Amino acid sequence: MLTKEFHAGRREAYGKLLEDGSLSAVFAGEEKIRVSDEAYPFEPYRNFYYLTGYAKPKAVYMGYKTGGKFRDVLFVERPDERRELYEGHMDRPEELKEQYGFADVRFLDQLGAFVARLFSGGDMKYFYVDTARWDGFDGPEDESERFTAQLLKKYPYVQVRNTYPALGDLRSVKAKEEIERHRVACNVTELGVKSMLRHIRPGMREYELAAYFDFELTSHGCTRGFDTISASGKNACTLHYRENDAELKDGDLILFDLGAASGYYGADVSRTYPVNGKFTERQKQLYNVVLKGLEAGLAISKPGQQKDLIQLESKRVMAEELIKLGMIEKPEEINRYYKHGSGHFIGLYTHDVGNDAAILEEDMVFTLEPGLYFEEEGVGIRIEDTILVTKDGCEVLSAGIPKTVEEIEAYMREHREA
């Protein structure tokens, strides 16, 4: 996890976003019930975690600025003895002040009175909420929207603003601590992929192979950043293939899209490997088209580069290679095989905040993932790396995972268990 000093620094930056005479709120989120008294594993709303470091449900972070001074409060659930019997220790304010660096921690049942006191003086003009979706989007209201509606009912003169875009800008450039979490995630992802390569055999099921990846993550204190795609043969042509239950066939390729997460900071890596350890000549030919597309994108990834133009360069190079192979005649015909964009920002979410047309800056982290899908041949190829923008170029954080044909075949030849 990140240090309390990191989160305190984020809160300080957040405070500068608020105008004088304002109250703000960021909600951790609520548990979703799976069945009866069992809930799905909880993960906090990432902007809340970014500001607080706290990762338990129902908590609310509030900031307020009056007289030019910014202050903040963390509201958490009040301890309940019976709940503690079943669920374990519940946090006390003094513990949270020490652990997370807050000067003020209160219980959720005190929140209403706290807000009423702030507004009683008539100095509050603005309310800053933080929500990833705004008016016009269908679906049930979340906590932030419900709270905003209640506040406006009592104080209709208040002007409501959304801090989500500004917090997205703050999160786009990573601090050193965040980059270290990404490194850990990529290193553990490498261990997981190499374990898969050591154990892969024709006749296995896709989910059996994915289990080797999961074991390495758990063994090294990481979680999955997202559900693993383990797609062999024609299944690789389904972009978000989820079943992971087919039998691995001798002579097929298998496409993995996977990544570990360390303290919510993730890796996102795709690789395409031969099930039997050796590419056919045709597979090698098609694989190298995609690899050249990735390498072309990496070559121009640096500060000052517009991110979405990297994708166009990757696509251009792959089109040239397909023309050489006689598979298409014109560059635009690549769309017959090219089905998705080739990269995204990554951070606290796998598909993280950030504008695809943004200009890259040092310490941004993003992915490149060119892919081509040849359904008539039962072949889908995607190669993806997690990339850190450096002062003069980029560093591939997932570079240790075998990627060239020669690296892949050598590793599988030398390390596969008998």
Protein backbone atom coordinates (compact mmCIF):
# COMPACT_ATOMS: atom_id res chain seq x y z
CA MET A 1 0.00 0.00 0.00
CA LEU A 2 0.98 3.63 -0.37
CA THR A 3 2.19 5.78 2.52
CA LYS A 4 -0.07 8.10 4.48
CA GLU A 5 2.18 10.96 3.34
CA PHE A 6 1.28 10.18 -0.28
CA HIS A 7 -2.44 10.37 0.41
CA ALA A 8 -2.03 13.50 2.53
CA GLY A 9 -0.26 15.13 -0.41
CA ARG A 10 -3.13 14.16 -2.71
CA ARG A 11 -5.63 15.73 -0.30
CA GLU A 12 -3.60 18.92 -0.22
CA ALA A 13 -3.71 19.08 -4.02
CA TYR A 14 -7.43 18.31 -3.94
CA GLY A 15 -8.05 21.20 -1.56
CA LYS A 16 -6.61 23.59 -4.13
CA LEU A 17 -9.37 22.59 -6.55
CA LEU A 18 -12.08 24.05 -4.29
CA GLU A 19 -13.25 27.64 -4.25
CA ASP A 20 -13.74 29.50 -1.00
CA GLY A 21 -17.16 28.89 0.51
CA SER A 22 -17.40 25.28 -0.60
CA LEU A 23 -18.07 21.79 0.70
CA SER A 24 -16.95 18.66 -1.13
CA ALA A 25 -17.64 14.95 -0.76
CA VAL A 26 -16.13 11.75 -2.15
CA PHE A 27 -17.81 8.44 -1.32
CA ALA A 28 -16.04 5.10 -0.83
CA GLY A 29 -18.99 3.14 -2.17
CA GLU A 30 -21.21 0.43 -0.75
CA GLU A 31 -20.98 -3.33 -0.59
CA LYS A 32 -23.11 -5.23 -3.09
CA ILE A 33 -25.00 -8.17 -1.63
CA ARG A 34 -24.35 -11.45 -3.34
CA VAL A 35 -26.84 -13.62 -1.47
CA SER A 36 -28.40 -13.51 2.00
CA ASP A 37 -25.71 -12.18 4.37
CA GLU A 38 -22.85 -12.60 1.91
CA ALA A 39 -21.47 -9.61 0.01
CA TYR A 40 -19.23 -9.44 -3.03
CA PRO A 41 -15.61 -8.50 -2.23
CA PHE A 42 -15.54 -4.74 -1.73
CA GLU A 43 -13.29 -2.38 -3.63
CA PRO A 44 -13.41 1.35 -2.93
CA TYR A 45 -14.19 4.02 -5.48
CA ARG A 46 -10.71 4.84 -6.68
CA ASN A 47 -10.82 8.61 -6.25
CA PHE A 48 -11.82 8.05 -2.64
CA TYR A 49 -8.91 5.63 -2.15
CA TYR A 50 -6.51 8.01 -3.92
CA LEU A 51 -7.32 10.75 -1.43
CA THR A 52 -7.59 8.70 1.75
CA GLY A 53 -5.87 5.32 1.49
CA TYR A 54 -8.91 3.89 3.29
CA ALA A 55 -10.60 0.90 1.68
CA LYS A 56 -13.75 0.09 3.64
CA PRO A 57 -17.36 0.58 2.53
CA LYS A 58 -19.76 3.42 3.32
CA ALA A 59 -17.00 5.84 4.34
CA VAL A 60 -17.23 9.46 3.18
CA TYR A 61 -14.42 11.95 2.70
CA MET A 62 -15.42 15.60 3.03
CA GLY A 63 -13.42 18.74 2.48
CA TYR A 64 -14.49 22.30 3.11
CA LYS A 65 -12.92 25.68 2.48
CA THR A 66 -13.84 28.84 4.33
CA GLY A 67 -11.81 31.97 4.87
CA GLY A 68 -9.27 30.65 2.40
CA LYS A 69 -8.44 27.66 4.60
CA PHE A 70 -9.04 24.04 3.57
CA ARG A 71 -9.96 21.38 6.14
CA ASP A 72 -11.15 17.82 5.73
CA VAL A 73 -12.90 15.03 7.62
CA LEU A 74 -13.16 11.27 7.20
CA PHE A 75 -16.51 9.75 8.21
CA VAL A 76 -16.63 6.01 8.97
CA GLU A 77 -19.07 3.51 10.41
CA ARG A 78 -19.54 3.51 14.17
CA PRO A 79 -18.25 0.27 15.76
CA ASP A 80 -20.88 -2.30 16.66
CA GLU A 81 -20.09 -5.14 19.03
CA ARG A 82 -22.26 -7.72 17.29
CA ARG A 83 -20.80 -6.93 13.89
CA GLU A 84 -17.31 -7.17 15.33
CA LEU A 85 -18.16 -10.66 16.59
CA TYR A 86 -18.80 -11.80 13.02
CA GLU A 87 -16.62 -9.48 10.94
CA GLY A 88 -13.75 -8.49 13.21
CA HIS A 89 -12.46 -5.21 14.57
CA MET A 90 -14.04 -1.98 13.36
CA ASP A 91 -11.89 1.12 13.12
CA ARG A 92 -11.85 3.83 15.80
CA PRO A 93 -11.19 7.50 14.98
CA GLU A 94 -7.88 7.68 16.88
CA GLU A 95 -6.58 4.62 15.04
CA LEU A 96 -7.48 6.13 11.69
CA LYS A 97 -5.90 9.46 12.51
CA GLU A 98 -2.62 7.69 13.21
CA GLN A 99 -2.79 5.28 10.29
CA TYR A 100 -3.95 7.66 7.56
CA GLY A 101 -2.78 11.06 8.78
CA PHE A 102 -6.19 12.68 9.28
CA ALA A 103 -6.66 15.45 11.82
CA ASP A 104 -10.41 14.84 12.01
CA VAL A 105 -12.24 11.49 11.88
CA ARG A 106 -15.90 11.14 12.84
CA PHE A 107 -18.71 8.62 12.61
CA LEU A 108 -21.22 8.52 9.76
CA ASP A 109 -24.15 9.19 12.08
CA GLN A 110 -22.57 12.61 12.75
CA LEU A 111 -22.40 13.61 9.08
CA GLY A 112 -25.84 15.23 8.83
CA ALA A 113 -25.26 17.52 11.80
CA PHE A 114 -21.79 18.39 10.47
CA VAL A 115 -23.19 19.51 7.11
CA ALA A 116 -26.04 21.44 8.73
CA ARG A 117 -23.61 23.41 10.91
CA LEU A 118 -21.47 24.34 7.91
CA PHE A 119 -24.47 25.67 6.01
CA SER A 120 -26.04 27.42 8.98
CA GLY A 121 -23.73 30.41 8.62
CA GLY A 122 -24.76 31.03 5.02
CA ASP A 123 -21.17 31.07 3.76
CA MET A 124 -21.39 27.90 1.69
CA LYS A 125 -22.00 28.62 -1.99
CA TYR A 126 -20.64 25.53 -3.73
CA PHE A 127 -20.90 21.79 -3.37
CA TYR A 128 -18.27 19.68 -5.10
CA VAL A 129 -19.32 16.10 -5.72
CA ASP A 130 -17.17 13.46 -7.39
CA THR A 131 -18.92 11.18 -9.83
CA ALA A 132 -17.73 9.42 -12.97
CA ARG A 133 -21.11 9.80 -14.65
CA TRP A 134 -23.19 12.91 -14.94
CA ASP A 135 -26.73 13.85 -16.02
CA GLY A 136 -28.25 11.98 -18.93
CA PHE A 137 -26.82 8.56 -18.02
CA ASP A 138 -29.31 5.78 -17.37
CA GLY A 139 -29.05 3.52 -14.35
CA PRO A 140 -29.61 3.63 -10.59
CA GLU A 141 -28.31 6.56 -8.59
CA ASP A 142 -25.12 6.07 -6.61
CA GLU A 143 -24.35 7.49 -3.17
CA SER A 144 -22.92 10.74 -4.50
CA GLU A 145 -25.98 11.45 -6.62
CA ARG A 146 -28.41 10.65 -3.81
CA PHE A 147 -26.51 12.87 -1.39
CA THR A 148 -26.39 15.73 -3.92
CA ALA A 149 -30.15 15.51 -4.47
CA GLN A 150 -30.80 15.67 -0.72
CA LEU A 151 -28.44 18.61 -0.29
CA LEU A 152 -30.08 20.59 -3.09
CA LYS A 153 -33.51 19.94 -1.61
CA LYS A 154 -32.41 21.65 1.61
CA TYR A 155 -30.12 24.27 0.09
CA PRO A 156 -31.38 24.93 -3.47
CA TYR A 157 -29.13 27.97 -3.89
CA VAL A 158 -25.96 25.88 -3.81
CA GLN A 159 -24.01 25.52 -7.06
CA VAL A 160 -22.98 21.93 -7.74
CA ARG A 161 -19.69 21.08 -9.44
CA ASN A 162 -17.97 17.81 -10.28
CA THR A 163 -14.36 17.21 -9.24
CA TYR A 164 -14.04 13.99 -11.28
CA PRO A 165 -12.30 15.56 -14.33
CA ALA A 166 -9.79 17.47 -12.19
CA LEU A 167 -8.99 14.41 -10.07
CA GLY A 168 -8.51 12.49 -13.29
CA ASP A 169 -5.87 15.01 -14.32
CA LEU A 170 -4.15 14.62 -10.94
CA ARG A 171 -4.10 10.84 -11.27
CA SER A 172 -2.79 10.81 -14.85
CA VAL A 173 0.82 11.55 -13.86
CA LYS A 174 2.06 9.01 -11.35
CA ALA A 175 4.12 9.63 -8.23
CA LYS A 176 7.17 7.45 -7.54
CA GLU A 177 5.21 5.35 -5.04
CA GLU A 178 2.53 4.64 -7.62
CA ILE A 179 5.10 3.67 -10.23
CA GLU A 180 6.64 1.22 -7.77
CA ARG A 181 3.24 -0.45 -7.33
CA HIS A 182 3.00 -0.79 -11.12
CA ARG A 183 6.48 -2.36 -11.18
CA VAL A 184 5.51 -4.90 -8.55
CA ALA A 185 2.34 -5.75 -10.49
CA CYS A 186 4.30 -6.23 -13.72
CA ASN A 187 6.97 -8.34 -12.01
CA VAL A 188 4.38 -10.63 -10.46
CA THR A 189 2.52 -10.82 -13.78
CA GLU A 190 5.78 -12.00 -15.33
CA LEU A 191 6.09 -14.75 -12.72
CA GLY A 192 2.51 -15.82 -13.41
CA VAL A 193 2.91 -15.95 -17.19
CA LYS A 194 6.15 -17.90 -16.95
CA SER A 195 4.43 -20.39 -14.66
CA MET A 196 1.76 -20.85 -17.31
CA LEU A 197 4.40 -21.44 -19.96
CA ARG A 198 6.11 -24.06 -17.82
CA HIS A 199 2.89 -26.01 -17.42
CA ILE A 200 1.08 -25.56 -20.73
CA ARG A 201 0.20 -28.80 -22.56
CA PRO A 202 -2.21 -29.86 -25.29
CA GLY A 203 -5.23 -31.49 -23.67
CA MET A 204 -5.43 -29.05 -20.74
CA ARG A 205 -8.44 -26.80 -20.29
CA GLU A 206 -8.03 -23.07 -20.56
CA TYR A 207 -9.08 -22.58 -16.92
CA GLU A 208 -6.43 -25.04 -15.70
CA LEU A 209 -3.75 -22.91 -17.25
CA ALA A 210 -5.22 -19.71 -15.81
CA ALA A 211 -5.07 -21.30 -12.35
CA TYR A 212 -1.26 -21.35 -12.48
CA PHE A 213 -1.34 -17.59 -13.02
CA ASP A 214 -3.69 -17.05 -10.09
CA PHE A 215 -1.49 -19.14 -7.79
CA GLU A 216 1.56 -16.97 -8.46
CA LEU A 217 -0.43 -13.79 -7.81
CA THR A 218 -1.78 -15.04 -4.49
CA SER A 219 1.65 -16.35 -3.48
CA HIS A 220 3.14 -12.87 -3.94
CA GLY A 221 0.44 -10.83 -2.23
CA CYS A 222 -1.26 -9.58 -5.38
CA THR A 223 -4.75 -9.86 -6.79
CA ARG A 224 -6.04 -10.03 -10.35
CA GLY A 225 -6.49 -6.58 -11.80
CA PHE A 226 -9.29 -8.02 -13.96
CA ASP A 227 -10.64 -11.40 -15.01
CA THR A 228 -8.08 -13.37 -16.98
CA ILE A 229 -8.74 -14.12 -20.64
CA SER A 230 -7.33 -17.53 -21.60
CA ALA A 231 -8.48 -18.01 -25.19
CA SER A 232 -7.17 -20.81 -27.37
CA GLY A 233 -7.70 -21.32 -31.09
CA LYS A 234 -10.72 -19.54 -32.54
CA ASN A 235 -11.75 -18.35 -29.07
CA ALA A 236 -9.05 -15.68 -29.35
CA CYS A 237 -11.18 -13.95 -31.99
CA THR A 238 -13.75 -13.11 -29.29
CA LEU A 239 -12.26 -9.98 -27.78
CA HIS A 240 -13.69 -10.35 -24.27
CA TYR A 241 -13.79 -14.15 -24.17
CA ARG A 242 -14.78 -15.25 -20.65
CA GLU A 243 -15.60 -18.96 -20.67
CA ASN A 244 -11.99 -20.19 -20.34
CA ASP A 245 -13.21 -23.80 -20.55
CA ALA A 246 -12.10 -25.12 -23.94
CA GLU A 247 -9.51 -27.84 -24.43
CA LEU A 248 -6.08 -26.75 -25.66
CA LYS A 249 -5.35 -28.31 -29.05
CA ASP A 250 -1.95 -29.28 -30.36
CA GLY A 251 -1.00 -26.78 -33.07
CA ASP A 252 -3.24 -23.97 -31.79
CA LEU A 253 -2.23 -20.60 -30.42
CA ILE A 254 -3.54 -19.36 -27.07
CA LEU A 255 -4.08 -15.68 -26.27
CA PHE A 256 -3.76 -14.43 -22.70
CA ASP A 257 -4.96 -11.04 -21.50
CA LEU A 258 -4.17 -10.71 -17.81
CA GLY A 259 -2.54 -8.68 -15.08
CA ALA A 260 -1.70 -8.60 -11.41
CA ALA A 261 -2.65 -5.67 -9.17
CA SER A 262 -0.61 -4.42 -6.22
CA GLY A 263 -2.48 -2.03 -3.94
CA TYR A 264 -4.99 -1.54 -6.80
CA TYR A 265 -2.24 -0.45 -9.21
CA GLY A 266 -2.18 -2.91 -12.06
CA ALA A 267 -0.43 -4.50 -14.97
CA ASP A 268 -2.22 -5.23 -18.22
CA VAL A 269 -0.44 -7.65 -20.50
CA SER A 270 -1.46 -9.69 -23.52
CA ARG A 271 0.61 -12.46 -25.04
CA THR A 272 -0.09 -15.08 -27.71
CA TYR A 273 1.76 -18.39 -27.44
CA PRO A 274 1.85 -21.74 -29.24
CA VAL A 275 0.21 -24.48 -27.16
CA ASN A 276 2.85 -27.04 -28.16
CA GLY A 277 5.79 -24.66 -27.76
CA LYS A 278 6.51 -23.97 -31.42
CA PHE A 279 4.90 -21.63 -33.96
CA THR A 280 4.03 -22.91 -37.41
CA GLU A 281 5.48 -20.86 -40.24
CA ARG A 282 2.07 -19.30 -40.88
CA GLN A 283 1.53 -18.48 -37.22
CA LYS A 284 5.00 -16.95 -37.04
CA GLN A 285 4.25 -14.83 -40.11
CA LEU A 286 1.03 -13.42 -38.66
CA TYR A 287 2.50 -13.01 -35.17
CA ASN A 288 5.37 -10.90 -36.45
CA VAL A 289 2.94 -8.53 -38.19
CA VAL A 290 1.40 -7.68 -34.82
CA LEU A 291 4.79 -7.54 -33.09
CA LYS A 292 6.04 -5.01 -35.65
CA GLY A 293 2.96 -2.91 -34.95
CA LEU A 294 3.74 -2.92 -31.23
CA GLU A 295 7.40 -2.10 -31.80
CA ALA A 296 6.44 0.83 -34.06
CA GLY A 297 4.21 2.23 -31.33
CA LEU A 298 6.89 1.84 -28.67
CA ALA A 299 9.41 3.64 -30.87
CA ILE A 300 7.41 6.89 -30.79
CA SER A 301 6.18 6.69 -27.17
CA LYS A 302 7.75 9.64 -25.36
CA PRO A 303 6.86 12.94 -23.69
CA GLY A 304 5.20 15.35 -26.09
CA GLN A 305 3.66 12.59 -28.21
CA GLN A 306 -0.12 12.64 -28.68
CA LYS A 307 -1.24 9.30 -27.34
CA ASP A 308 -3.88 8.36 -29.92
CA LEU A 309 -1.43 8.93 -32.76
CA ILE A 310 0.65 6.03 -31.42
CA GLN A 311 -2.24 3.73 -32.24
CA LEU A 312 -2.41 5.08 -35.79
CA GLU A 313 1.30 4.43 -36.30
CA SER A 314 0.94 0.88 -35.03
CA LYS A 315 -2.02 0.31 -37.33
CA ARG A 316 -0.18 1.82 -40.31
CA VAL A 317 2.79 -0.51 -39.88
CA MET A 318 0.57 -3.59 -39.53
CA ALA A 319 -1.31 -2.61 -42.69
CA GLU A 320 1.99 -2.35 -44.57
CA GLU A 321 2.96 -5.82 -43.42
CA LEU A 322 -0.37 -7.32 -44.47
CA ILE A 323 0.00 -5.74 -47.90
CA LYS A 324 3.43 -7.40 -48.20
CA LEU A 325 1.82 -10.72 -47.37
CA GLY A 326 -0.83 -10.17 -50.03
CA MET A 327 -3.65 -10.34 -47.49
CA ILE A 328 -4.94 -6.84 -48.25
CA GLU A 329 -4.42 -4.41 -51.11
CA LYS A 330 -5.12 -1.06 -49.44
CA PRO A 331 -4.23 0.13 -45.91
CA GLU A 332 -7.86 0.71 -44.91
CA GLU A 333 -8.62 -2.95 -45.56
CA ILE A 334 -6.80 -3.81 -42.33
CA ASN A 335 -10.11 -3.14 -40.57
CA ARG A 336 -11.13 -6.60 -41.74
CA TYR A 337 -8.75 -7.94 -39.09
CA TYR A 338 -8.25 -4.98 -36.74
CA LYS A 339 -11.14 -4.85 -34.27
CA HIS A 340 -10.22 -2.56 -31.35
CA GLY A 341 -8.08 0.34 -30.21
CA SER A 342 -4.52 -0.35 -29.26
CA GLY A 343 -3.98 1.09 -25.82
CA HIS A 344 -5.28 2.90 -22.77
CA PHE A 345 -4.07 4.59 -19.60
CA ILE A 346 -3.65 2.32 -16.59
CA GLY A 347 -3.49 3.08 -12.88
CA LEU A 348 -5.90 2.43 -10.04
CA TYR A 349 -8.24 0.99 -12.67
CA THR A 350 -7.08 -1.20 -15.55
CA HIS A 351 -8.77 1.16 -18.01
CA ASP A 352 -7.92 4.29 -16.08
CA VAL A 353 -8.63 7.98 -16.27
CA GLY A 354 -7.04 9.90 -19.09
CA ASN A 355 -7.94 11.34 -22.48
CA ASP A 356 -6.80 9.26 -25.47
CA ALA A 357 -5.90 12.50 -27.26
CA ALA A 358 -3.73 13.62 -24.32
CA ILE A 359 -0.11 14.62 -24.79
CA LEU A 360 2.12 12.14 -22.99
CA GLU A 361 4.09 13.38 -19.99
CA GLU A 362 6.89 11.84 -17.99
CA ASP A 363 5.59 9.34 -15.39
CA MET A 364 2.34 8.57 -17.17
CA VAL A 365 1.59 4.84 -17.44
CA PHE A 366 -0.34 3.35 -20.34
CA THR A 367 -0.61 0.23 -22.48
CA LEU A 368 -0.15 -0.60 -26.14
CA GLU A 369 -2.10 -3.62 -27.38
CA PRO A 370 -2.23 -4.05 -31.16
CA GLY A 371 -4.14 -7.11 -32.26
CA LEU A 372 -5.27 -8.82 -35.46
CA TYR A 373 -7.96 -11.48 -35.67
CA PHE A 374 -8.11 -13.98 -38.52
CA GLU A 375 -11.36 -15.82 -37.90
CA GLU A 376 -11.16 -17.84 -41.09
CA GLU A 377 -7.87 -19.31 -39.82
CA GLY A 378 -8.96 -19.68 -36.20
CA VAL A 379 -6.18 -17.33 -35.09
CA GLY A 380 -6.33 -14.27 -32.85
CA ILE A 381 -3.12 -12.45 -31.94
CA ARG A 382 -2.79 -9.64 -29.41
CA ILE A 383 0.46 -8.41 -27.86
CA GLU A 384 0.22 -5.86 -25.07
CA ASP A 385 2.72 -4.22 -22.74
CA THR A 386 2.43 -1.89 -19.76
CA ILE A 387 4.56 1.19 -20.39
CA LEU A 388 6.02 3.99 -18.30
CA VAL A 389 6.76 7.32 -20.00
CA THR A 390 10.29 8.39 -19.10
CA LYS A 391 12.18 11.66 -19.54
CA ASP A 392 13.33 10.84 -23.07
CA GLY A 393 11.18 7.92 -24.16
CA CYS A 394 9.53 4.99 -22.46
CA GLU A 395 10.24 1.93 -20.32
CA VAL A 396 8.37 -1.30 -20.93
CA LEU A 397 7.51 -2.46 -17.41
CA SER A 398 6.43 -5.87 -18.71
CA ALA A 399 9.53 -6.39 -20.86
CA GLY A 400 10.56 -9.55 -18.97
CA ILE A 401 7.62 -11.54 -20.32
CA PRO A 402 8.69 -13.49 -23.45
CA LYS A 403 7.48 -11.65 -26.54
CA THR A 404 9.47 -12.38 -29.69
CA VAL A 405 9.05 -15.70 -31.47
CA GLU A 406 12.61 -16.62 -30.55
CA GLU A 407 12.17 -15.72 -26.87
CA ILE A 408 8.90 -17.62 -26.62
CA GLU A 409 10.10 -20.80 -28.25
CA ALA A 410 13.38 -20.78 -26.31
CA TYR A 411 11.64 -20.32 -22.97
CA MET A 412 9.09 -23.05 -23.65
CA ARG A 413 11.76 -25.41 -24.91
CA GLU A 414 14.04 -24.89 -21.91
CA HIS A 415 11.54 -24.50 -19.06
CA ARG A 416 8.44 -26.55 -19.76
CA GLU A 417 8.09 -29.28 -17.20
CA ALA A 418 8.18 -32.86 -18.43
